[in-house]
């Protein structure tokens, strides 16, 4: 059997990459956003896009930057990507994508790149294209530019709770604060404030022409169990569908049953399973 080599893709193959990403618009949303914004030139893209397949028939791609994200990676593609990557120093903070590809990569890379801090093998990928039928919380709105200082502590709390490490650890939080500020400036951060404190927050972390992907959903601990999350998420989904993209997508840990019930009430349906390896 002839092996198909993996190669780094350049700007001349951008259309082929975009066509491929359109075949998996939800699992590949983060890669699609980066390619749309920065192209494939490595000095602009803050990462590399690796391709598997011939120049006439690109079969799958793999983004390598802060995250490692395979898209439409068949078993032979996973093996080929892993053969290339196993000899490189791990620089990414996570591997995330369709579960079969991520877990296949991790099987082949774990001896060289491990140990992982956490492996989350079953994260339902959910999508909706309909306005929620449940009432939206009118108090949930886009965060204003002058409210970053109020939002930031909630964002840190969410990140620490979800990822298991503080975003303040590496550089005192400067990079993470820039990310939060950028989302606010882009009109992609939502919150409900009570007496100046954030009690609910969420962001459109990724926006493409096909989907707006929600991340960072968080309810302040003292407000949990009061039933505010469904109406708050309905407000986010409604605004995103009317303003940002034709669909809203997200992925959630399989064990987070309260969140999964909220998303179901807001009209989300499953379209696959992702997995994440955290370092």
C-alpha atoms as a PDB file:
ATOM      1  CA  UNK A   1       0.000   0.000   0.000  1.00  0.00           C
ATOM      2  CA  UNK A   2       1.340   3.405  -0.932  1.00  0.00           C
ATOM      3  CA  UNK A   3       1.480   5.845   1.943  1.00  0.00           C
ATOM      4  CA  UNK A   4       0.264   9.381   1.425  1.00  0.00           C
ATOM      5  CA  UNK A   5       2.645  11.904   2.967  1.00  0.00           C
ATOM      6  CA  UNK A   6       1.508  14.682   5.258  1.00  0.00           C
ATOM      7  CA  UNK A   7       2.569  18.143   4.181  1.00  0.00           C
ATOM      8  CA  UNK A   8       2.229  21.677   5.459  1.00  0.00           C
ATOM      9  CA  UNK A   9      -0.333  23.547   3.398  1.00  0.00           C
ATOM     10  CA  UNK A  10       0.148  27.046   2.052  1.00  0.00           C
ATOM     11  CA  UNK A  11      -2.020  29.854   0.756  1.00  0.00           C
ATOM     12  CA  UNK A  12      -2.192  28.324  -2.726  1.00  0.00           C
ATOM     13  CA  UNK A  13      -4.318  25.503  -1.278  1.00  0.00           C
ATOM     14  CA  UNK A  14      -6.663  27.724   0.711  1.00  0.00           C
ATOM     15  CA  UNK A  15      -9.730  27.012  -1.421  1.00  0.00           C
ATOM     16  CA  UNK A  16      -9.248  23.257  -1.068  1.00  0.00           C
ATOM     17  CA  UNK A  17      -8.936  23.656   2.701  1.00  0.00           C
ATOM     18  CA  UNK A  18     -12.061  25.816   2.869  1.00  0.00           C
ATOM     19  CA  UNK A  19     -14.040  23.278   0.837  1.00  0.00           C
ATOM     20  CA  UNK A  20     -12.934  20.533   3.200  1.00  0.00           C
ATOM     21  CA  UNK A  21     -13.810  22.556   6.318  1.00  0.00           C
ATOM     22  CA  UNK A  22     -17.281  23.173   4.885  1.00  0.00           C
ATOM     23  CA  UNK A  23     -17.875  19.411   5.061  1.00  0.00           C
ATOM     24  CA  UNK A  24     -17.585  19.498   8.866  1.00  0.00           C
ATOM     25  CA  UNK A  25     -18.637  23.041   9.799  1.00  0.00           C
ATOM     26  CA  UNK A  26     -19.239  22.400  13.510  1.00  0.00           C
ATOM     27  CA  UNK A  27     -16.331  20.206  14.617  1.00  0.00           C
ATOM     28  CA  UNK A  28     -13.994  22.192  12.371  1.00  0.00           C
ATOM     29  CA  UNK A  29     -15.330  25.629  13.318  1.00  0.00           C
ATOM     30  CA  UNK A  30     -12.244  26.796  15.219  1.00  0.00           C
ATOM     31  CA  UNK A  31      -9.973  25.934  12.303  1.00  0.00           C
ATOM     32  CA  UNK A  32     -12.371  27.531   9.802  1.00  0.00           C
ATOM     33  CA  UNK A  33     -12.383  30.791  11.762  1.00  0.00           C
ATOM     34  CA  UNK A  34      -8.582  30.931  11.876  1.00  0.00           C
ATOM     35  CA  UNK A  35      -8.224  30.169   8.172  1.00  0.00           C
ATOM     36  CA  UNK A  36     -10.828  32.800   7.258  1.00  0.00           C
ATOM     37  CA  UNK A  37      -9.087  35.414   9.407  1.00  0.00           C
ATOM     38  CA  UNK A  38      -5.423  34.665   8.750  1.00  0.00           C
ATOM     39  CA  UNK A  39      -5.162  32.364   5.746  1.00  0.00           C
ATOM     40  CA  UNK A  40      -2.610  29.564   5.580  1.00  0.00           C
ATOM     41  CA  UNK A  41       0.660  31.491   5.591  1.00  0.00           C
ATOM     42  CA  UNK A  42       2.347  30.272   8.778  1.00  0.00           C
ATOM     43  CA  UNK A  43       3.810  33.684   9.666  1.00  0.00           C
ATOM     44  CA  UNK A  44       0.265  35.149   9.804  1.00  0.00           C
ATOM     45  CA  UNK A  45      -1.762  32.198  11.022  1.00  0.00           C
ATOM     46  CA  UNK A  46      -0.145  31.593  14.439  1.00  0.00           C
ATOM     47  CA  UNK A  47      -0.113  27.918  13.598  1.00  0.00           C
ATOM     48  CA  UNK A  48       0.362  25.386  10.827  1.00  0.00           C
ATOM     49  CA  UNK A  49      -2.237  23.574   8.754  1.00  0.00           C
ATOM     50  CA  UNK A  50      -1.131  20.070   7.845  1.00  0.00           C
ATOM     51  CA  UNK A  51      -2.810  18.254   4.986  1.00  0.00           C
ATOM     52  CA  UNK A  52      -3.324  14.577   4.187  1.00  0.00           C
ATOM     53  CA  UNK A  53      -4.064  13.526   0.626  1.00  0.00           C
ATOM     54  CA  UNK A  54      -2.862  14.361  -2.818  1.00  0.00           C
ATOM     55  CA  UNK A  55      -2.860  17.872  -4.216  1.00  0.00           C
ATOM     56  CA  UNK A  56      -5.865  16.925  -6.332  1.00  0.00           C
ATOM     57  CA  UNK A  57      -7.702  15.238  -3.485  1.00  0.00           C
ATOM     58  CA  UNK A  58      -7.139  16.759  -0.054  1.00  0.00           C
ATOM     59  CA  UNK A  59      -8.761  14.313   2.381  1.00  0.00           C
ATOM     60  CA  UNK A  60      -8.195  15.842   5.818  1.00  0.00           C
ATOM     61  CA  UNK A  61      -6.384  18.618   7.627  1.00  0.00           C
ATOM     62  CA  UNK A  62      -4.899  19.102  11.062  1.00  0.00           C
ATOM     63  CA  UNK A  63      -4.417  22.477  12.736  1.00  0.00           C
ATOM     64  CA  UNK A  64      -1.289  22.722  14.883  1.00  0.00           C
ATOM     65  CA  UNK A  65      -1.022  25.817  17.075  1.00  0.00           C
ATOM     66  CA  UNK A  66      -2.160  26.446  20.621  1.00  0.00           C
ATOM     67  CA  UNK A  67      -4.426  23.460  20.045  1.00  0.00           C
ATOM     68  CA  UNK A  68      -4.038  20.396  17.858  1.00  0.00           C
ATOM     69  CA  UNK A  69      -7.278  19.904  15.898  1.00  0.00           C
ATOM     70  CA  UNK A  70      -7.797  17.179  13.294  1.00  0.00           C
ATOM     71  CA  UNK A  71     -10.670  17.682  10.846  1.00  0.00           C
ATOM     72  CA  UNK A  72     -12.199  14.852   8.811  1.00  0.00           C
ATOM     73  CA  UNK A  73      -9.257  12.663   9.774  1.00  0.00           C
ATOM     74  CA  UNK A  74      -9.696   9.051   8.711  1.00  0.00           C
ATOM     75  CA  UNK A  75      -7.721   6.288  10.413  1.00  0.00           C
ATOM     76  CA  UNK A  76      -4.930   6.423   7.786  1.00  0.00           C
ATOM     77  CA  UNK A  77      -4.815  10.219   8.129  1.00  0.00           C
ATOM     78  CA  UNK A  78      -4.598   9.975  11.925  1.00  0.00           C
ATOM     79  CA  UNK A  79      -1.706   7.525  11.595  1.00  0.00           C
ATOM     80  CA  UNK A  80       0.073   9.790   9.110  1.00  0.00           C
ATOM     81  CA  UNK A  81      -0.392  12.921  11.244  1.00  0.00           C
ATOM     82  CA  UNK A  82       0.859  11.059  14.308  1.00  0.00           C
ATOM     83  CA  UNK A  83       3.922   9.742  12.480  1.00  0.00           C
ATOM     84  CA  UNK A  84       4.910  13.328  11.694  1.00  0.00           C
ATOM     85  CA  UNK A  85       4.045  14.828  15.070  1.00  0.00           C
ATOM     86  CA  UNK A  86       5.582  12.162  17.302  1.00  0.00           C
ATOM     87  CA  UNK A  87       9.048  13.454  16.503  1.00  0.00           C
ATOM     88  CA  UNK A  88       8.166  17.052  17.437  1.00  0.00           C
ATOM     89  CA  UNK A  89       8.149  18.681  20.836  1.00  0.00           C
ATOM     90  CA  UNK A  90       4.623  19.168  22.101  1.00  0.00           C
ATOM     91  CA  UNK A  91       3.764  22.861  22.156  1.00  0.00           C
ATOM     92  CA  UNK A  92      -0.035  22.691  22.094  1.00  0.00           C
ATOM     93  CA  UNK A  93      -2.090  22.890  25.294  1.00  0.00           C
ATOM     94  CA  UNK A  94      -4.774  20.471  24.089  1.00  0.00           C
ATOM     95  CA  UNK A  95      -5.916  18.086  21.377  1.00  0.00           C
ATOM     96  CA  UNK A  96      -9.562  18.661  20.469  1.00  0.00           C
ATOM     97  CA  UNK A  97     -11.855  17.469  17.680  1.00  0.00           C
ATOM     98  CA  UNK A  98     -13.981  14.527  16.636  1.00  0.00           C
ATOM     99  CA  UNK A  99     -13.551  11.830  19.255  1.00  0.00           C
ATOM    100  CA  UNK A 100     -12.357   9.039  16.962  1.00  0.00           C
ATOM    101  CA  UNK A 101      -9.576  11.184  15.519  1.00  0.00           C
ATOM    102  CA  UNK A 102      -8.503  12.769  18.819  1.00  0.00           C
ATOM    103  CA  UNK A 103      -8.368   9.463  20.685  1.00  0.00           C
ATOM    104  CA  UNK A 104      -6.591   7.825  17.746  1.00  0.00           C
ATOM    105  CA  UNK A 105      -3.957  10.559  17.786  1.00  0.00           C
ATOM    106  CA  UNK A 106      -3.571  10.279  21.528  1.00  0.00           C
ATOM    107  CA  UNK A 107      -3.076   6.504  21.322  1.00  0.00           C
ATOM    108  CA  UNK A 108      -0.122   7.152  19.031  1.00  0.00           C
ATOM    109  CA  UNK A 109       1.277  10.278  20.708  1.00  0.00           C
ATOM    110  CA  UNK A 110       0.796   9.579  24.408  1.00  0.00           C
ATOM    111  CA  UNK A 111       4.127   7.826  24.902  1.00  0.00           C
ATOM    112  CA  UNK A 112       6.011  10.848  23.524  1.00  0.00           C
ATOM    113  CA  UNK A 113       3.705  13.687  24.588  1.00  0.00           C
ATOM    114  CA  UNK A 114       2.212  12.363  27.802  1.00  0.00           C
ATOM    115  CA  UNK A 115       1.152  12.305  30.445  1.00  0.00           C
ATOM    116  CA  UNK A 116      -2.074  14.233  29.884  1.00  0.00           C
ATOM    117  CA  UNK A 117      -3.589  16.252  32.687  1.00  0.00           C
ATOM    118  CA  UNK A 118      -7.052  15.087  31.666  1.00  0.00           C
ATOM    119  CA  UNK A 119      -8.691  13.118  28.862  1.00  0.00           C
ATOM    120  CA  UNK A 120     -12.361  13.824  28.141  1.00  0.00           C
ATOM    121  CA  UNK A 121     -13.389  11.151  25.641  1.00  0.00           C
ATOM    122  CA  UNK A 122     -17.116  11.895  25.304  1.00  0.00           C
ATOM    123  CA  UNK A 123     -18.215  15.471  24.681  1.00  0.00           C
ATOM    124  CA  UNK A 124     -21.521  15.690  22.787  1.00  0.00           C
ATOM    125  CA  UNK A 125     -21.435  18.226  19.947  1.00  0.00           C
ATOM    126  CA  UNK A 126     -24.753  20.090  19.798  1.00  0.00           C
ATOM    127  CA  UNK A 127     -26.321  22.415  17.212  1.00  0.00           C
ATOM    128  CA  UNK A 128     -29.481  24.458  16.791  1.00  0.00           C
ATOM    129  CA  UNK A 129     -30.771  26.578  13.925  1.00  0.00           C
ATOM    130  CA  UNK A 130     -34.122  27.554  15.480  1.00  0.00           C
ATOM    131  CA  UNK A 131     -34.983  30.347  17.874  1.00  0.00           C
ATOM    132  CA  UNK A 132     -35.583  28.890  21.342  1.00  0.00           C
ATOM    133  CA  UNK A 133     -39.190  28.241  22.286  1.00  0.00           C
ATOM    134  CA  UNK A 134     -38.441  28.948  25.951  1.00  0.00           C
ATOM    135  CA  UNK A 135     -38.539  32.601  27.108  1.00  0.00           C
ATOM    136  CA  UNK A 136     -35.244  34.490  26.937  1.00  0.00           C
ATOM    137  CA  UNK A 137     -33.908  36.350  29.963  1.00  0.00           C
ATOM    138  CA  UNK A 138     -34.179  40.069  29.109  1.00  0.00           C
ATOM    139  CA  UNK A 139     -31.396  40.836  31.616  1.00  0.00           C
ATOM    140  CA  UNK A 140     -28.802  38.915  29.591  1.00  0.00           C
ATOM    141  CA  UNK A 141     -27.034  41.247  27.182  1.00  0.00           C
ATOM    142  CA  UNK A 142     -23.771  41.850  25.410  1.00  0.00           C
ATOM    143  CA  UNK A 143     -21.015  43.076  27.703  1.00  0.00           C
ATOM    144  CA  UNK A 144     -19.935  46.675  27.127  1.00  0.00           C
ATOM    145  CA  UNK A 145     -16.369  47.830  26.687  1.00  0.00           C
ATOM    146  CA  UNK A 146     -16.204  49.452  30.094  1.00  0.00           C
ATOM    147  CA  UNK A 147     -17.314  46.270  31.854  1.00  0.00           C
ATOM    148  CA  UNK A 148     -14.270  44.076  31.212  1.00  0.00           C
ATOM    149  CA  UNK A 149     -13.069  44.512  34.805  1.00  0.00           C
ATOM    150  CA  UNK A 150     -16.405  43.173  36.058  1.00  0.00           C
ATOM    151  CA  UNK A 151     -16.466  40.286  33.602  1.00  0.00           C
ATOM    152  CA  UNK A 152     -12.861  39.173  34.017  1.00  0.00           C
ATOM    153  CA  UNK A 153     -13.123  37.577  37.510  1.00  0.00           C
ATOM    154  CA  UNK A 154     -16.092  35.496  36.313  1.00  0.00           C
ATOM    155  CA  UNK A 155     -14.157  34.459  33.206  1.00  0.00           C
ATOM    156  CA  UNK A 156     -11.214  33.375  35.370  1.00  0.00           C
ATOM    157  CA  UNK A 157     -13.532  31.409  37.667  1.00  0.00           C
ATOM    158  CA  UNK A 158     -15.166  29.678  34.690  1.00  0.00           C
ATOM    159  CA  UNK A 159     -11.827  28.782  33.077  1.00  0.00           C
ATOM    160  CA  UNK A 160     -10.370  27.445  36.316  1.00  0.00           C
ATOM    161  CA  UNK A 161     -13.455  25.358  37.035  1.00  0.00           C
ATOM    162  CA  UNK A 162     -13.716  23.971  33.503  1.00  0.00           C
ATOM    163  CA  UNK A 163     -10.066  23.435  32.571  1.00  0.00           C
ATOM    164  CA  UNK A 164      -8.663  22.681  36.018  1.00  0.00           C
ATOM    165  CA  UNK A 165      -5.898  25.288  36.013  1.00  0.00           C
ATOM    166  CA  UNK A 166      -6.010  29.061  36.406  1.00  0.00           C
ATOM    167  CA  UNK A 167      -5.471  31.220  33.298  1.00  0.00           C
ATOM    168  CA  UNK A 168      -3.485  33.540  35.579  1.00  0.00           C
ATOM    169  CA  UNK A 169      -0.740  30.970  36.118  1.00  0.00           C
ATOM    170  CA  UNK A 170       1.333  31.346  32.956  1.00  0.00           C
ATOM    171  CA  UNK A 171       1.689  35.101  32.392  1.00  0.00           C
ATOM    172  CA  UNK A 172      -0.335  36.606  35.193  1.00  0.00           C
ATOM    173  CA  UNK A 173      -3.407  36.367  32.999  1.00  0.00           C
ATOM    174  CA  UNK A 174      -2.334  39.014  30.457  1.00  0.00           C
ATOM    175  CA  UNK A 175      -3.002  36.798  27.448  1.00  0.00           C
ATOM    176  CA  UNK A 176      -6.326  35.606  28.784  1.00  0.00           C
ATOM    177  CA  UNK A 177      -7.410  39.153  29.587  1.00  0.00           C
ATOM    178  CA  UNK A 178      -6.595  40.176  26.017  1.00  0.00           C
ATOM    179  CA  UNK A 179      -8.782  37.346  24.781  1.00  0.00           C
ATOM    180  CA  UNK A 180     -11.684  38.395  27.024  1.00  0.00           C
ATOM    181  CA  UNK A 181     -11.270  42.027  25.974  1.00  0.00           C
ATOM    182  CA  UNK A 182     -11.252  41.075  22.295  1.00  0.00           C
ATOM    183  CA  UNK A 183     -14.494  39.100  22.704  1.00  0.00           C
ATOM    184  CA  UNK A 184     -16.144  42.058  24.427  1.00  0.00           C
ATOM    185  CA  UNK A 185     -15.010  44.473  21.712  1.00  0.00           C
ATOM    186  CA  UNK A 186     -16.346  42.123  19.035  1.00  0.00           C
ATOM    187  CA  UNK A 187     -19.765  41.966  20.707  1.00  0.00           C
ATOM    188  CA  UNK A 188     -19.330  38.262  21.428  1.00  0.00           C
ATOM    189  CA  UNK A 189     -19.443  38.249  25.258  1.00  0.00           C
ATOM    190  CA  UNK A 190     -22.742  38.016  27.127  1.00  0.00           C
ATOM    191  CA  UNK A 191     -23.569  38.400  30.804  1.00  0.00           C
ATOM    192  CA  UNK A 192     -26.280  39.028  33.323  1.00  0.00           C
ATOM    193  CA  UNK A 193     -25.266  41.472  36.035  1.00  0.00           C
ATOM    194  CA  UNK A 194     -26.895  41.719  39.470  1.00  0.00           C
ATOM    195  CA  UNK A 195     -25.687  44.594  41.682  1.00  0.00           C
ATOM    196  CA  UNK A 196     -22.639  44.911  39.420  1.00  0.00           C
ATOM    197  CA  UNK A 197     -21.655  41.241  39.760  1.00  0.00           C
ATOM    198  CA  UNK A 198     -21.765  38.651  36.969  1.00  0.00           C
ATOM    199  CA  UNK A 199     -24.235  35.869  37.737  1.00  0.00           C
ATOM    200  CA  UNK A 200     -24.225  34.349  34.224  1.00  0.00           C
ATOM    201  CA  UNK A 201     -21.791  34.581  31.325  1.00  0.00           C
ATOM    202  CA  UNK A 202     -21.150  33.012  27.931  1.00  0.00           C
ATOM    203  CA  UNK A 203     -19.205  33.874  24.791  1.00  0.00           C
ATOM    204  CA  UNK A 204     -19.352  33.259  21.076  1.00  0.00           C
ATOM    205  CA  UNK A 205     -15.789  31.976  21.106  1.00  0.00           C
ATOM    206  CA  UNK A 206     -15.861  31.077  17.404  1.00  0.00           C
ATOM    207  CA  UNK A 207     -17.883  32.691  14.630  1.00  0.00           C
ATOM    208  CA  UNK A 208     -17.823  31.468  11.021  1.00  0.00           C
ATOM    209  CA  UNK A 209     -20.234  31.935   8.152  1.00  0.00           C
ATOM    210  CA  UNK A 210     -21.721  28.572   9.104  1.00  0.00           C
ATOM    211  CA  UNK A 211     -21.958  28.688  12.902  1.00  0.00           C
ATOM    212  CA  UNK A 212     -21.432  30.631  16.109  1.00  0.00           C
ATOM    213  CA  UNK A 213     -19.865  28.367  18.721  1.00  0.00           C
ATOM    214  CA  UNK A 214     -20.712  29.083  22.344  1.00  0.00           C
ATOM    215  CA  UNK A 215     -18.092  28.492  25.033  1.00  0.00           C
ATOM    216  CA  UNK A 216     -17.437  29.724  28.541  1.00  0.00           C
ATOM    217  CA  UNK A 217     -20.972  29.173  29.835  1.00  0.00           C
ATOM    218  CA  UNK A 218     -20.944  29.804  33.590  1.00  0.00           C
ATOM    219  CA  UNK A 219     -23.379  30.494  36.412  1.00  0.00           C
ATOM    220  CA  UNK A 220     -22.096  31.972  39.675  1.00  0.00           C
ATOM    221  CA  UNK A 221     -22.080  29.212  42.327  1.00  0.00           C
ATOM    222  CA  UNK A 222     -24.515  31.031  44.626  1.00  0.00           C
ATOM    223  CA  UNK A 223     -27.014  31.321  41.752  1.00  0.00           C
ATOM    224  CA  UNK A 224     -26.938  27.675  40.719  1.00  0.00           C
ATOM    225  CA  UNK A 225     -30.109  25.700  41.236  1.00  0.00           C
ATOM    226  CA  UNK A 226     -32.337  28.740  40.795  1.00  0.00           C
ATOM    227  CA  UNK A 227     -33.253  27.946  37.197  1.00  0.00           C
ATOM    228  CA  UNK A 228     -31.647  30.968  35.541  1.00  0.00           C
ATOM    229  CA  UNK A 229     -29.484  29.099  33.029  1.00  0.00           C
ATOM    230  CA  UNK A 230     -32.159  28.073  30.514  1.00  0.00           C
ATOM    231  CA  UNK A 231     -33.567  31.581  30.014  1.00  0.00           C
ATOM    232  CA  UNK A 232     -30.034  33.022  29.967  1.00  0.00           C
ATOM    233  CA  UNK A 233     -28.862  30.567  27.288  1.00  0.00           C
ATOM    234  CA  UNK A 234     -32.033  31.219  25.315  1.00  0.00           C
ATOM    235  CA  UNK A 235     -31.095  34.903  25.227  1.00  0.00           C
ATOM    236  CA  UNK A 236     -27.585  34.080  23.942  1.00  0.00           C
ATOM    237  CA  UNK A 237     -28.872  31.677  21.286  1.00  0.00           C
ATOM    238  CA  UNK A 238     -31.532  34.119  20.117  1.00  0.00           C
ATOM    239  CA  UNK A 239     -29.078  36.991  19.709  1.00  0.00           C
ATOM    240  CA  UNK A 240     -26.483  34.794  18.002  1.00  0.00           C
ATOM    241  CA  UNK A 241     -28.978  33.450  15.460  1.00  0.00           C
ATOM    242  CA  UNK A 242     -30.383  36.876  14.685  1.00  0.00           C
ATOM    243  CA  UNK A 243     -27.032  38.638  14.505  1.00  0.00           C
ATOM    244  CA  UNK A 244     -24.050  36.330  14.033  1.00  0.00           C
ATOM    245  CA  UNK A 245     -24.627  33.054  12.172  1.00  0.00           C
ATOM    246  CA  UNK A 246     -27.291  30.680  10.794  1.00  0.00           C
ATOM    247  CA  UNK A 247     -26.600  28.082  13.500  1.00  0.00           C
ATOM    248  CA  UNK A 248     -25.364  27.997  17.073  1.00  0.00           C
ATOM    249  CA  UNK A 249     -23.167  25.122  18.230  1.00  0.00           C
ATOM    250  CA  UNK A 250     -21.340  24.016  21.350  1.00  0.00           C
ATOM    251  CA  UNK A 251     -19.858  20.948  22.982  1.00  0.00           C
ATOM    252  CA  UNK A 252     -20.327  19.795  26.555  1.00  0.00           C
ATOM    253  CA  UNK A 253     -18.863  17.171  28.865  1.00  0.00           C
ATOM    254  CA  UNK A 254     -21.078  14.088  28.879  1.00  0.00           C
ATOM    255  CA  UNK A 255     -21.150  14.043  32.693  1.00  0.00           C
ATOM    256  CA  UNK A 256     -22.497  17.602  32.937  1.00  0.00           C
ATOM    257  CA  UNK A 257     -26.135  16.568  33.033  1.00  0.00           C
ATOM    258  CA  UNK A 258     -27.558  19.907  34.266  1.00  0.00           C
ATOM    259  CA  UNK A 259     -25.941  21.752  31.341  1.00  0.00           C
ATOM    260  CA  UNK A 260     -27.108  19.138  28.858  1.00  0.00           C
ATOM    261  CA  UNK A 261     -30.690  19.562  30.066  1.00  0.00           C
ATOM    262  CA  UNK A 262     -30.417  23.342  29.649  1.00  0.00           C
ATOM    263  CA  UNK A 263     -29.155  22.975  26.087  1.00  0.00           C
ATOM    264  CA  UNK A 264     -31.893  20.493  25.220  1.00  0.00           C
ATOM    265  CA  UNK A 265     -34.538  22.932  26.465  1.00  0.00           C
ATOM    266  CA  UNK A 266     -32.994  25.615  24.246  1.00  0.00           C
ATOM    267  CA  UNK A 267     -33.416  23.424  21.169  1.00  0.00           C
ATOM    268  CA  UNK A 268     -29.948  21.948  20.685  1.00  0.00           C
ATOM    269  CA  UNK A 269     -29.645  18.548  19.012  1.00  0.00           C
ATOM    270  CA  UNK A 270     -26.610  16.206  18.895  1.00  0.00           C
ATOM    271  CA  UNK A 271     -24.561  16.036  15.693  1.00  0.00           C
ATOM    272  CA  UNK A 272     -21.563  14.058  16.899  1.00  0.00           C
ATOM    273  CA  UNK A 273     -19.059  13.523  19.683  1.00  0.00           C
ATOM    274  CA  UNK A 274     -15.856  15.418  20.364  1.00  0.00           C
ATOM    275  CA  UNK A 275     -12.992  14.549  22.699  1.00  0.00           C
ATOM    276  CA  UNK A 276     -10.372  16.704  24.389  1.00  0.00           C
ATOM    277  CA  UNK A 277      -6.928  15.868  25.748  1.00  0.00           C
ATOM    278  CA  UNK A 278      -5.678  18.554  28.147  1.00  0.00           C
ATOM    279  CA  UNK A 279      -2.015  19.127  29.051  1.00  0.00           C
END
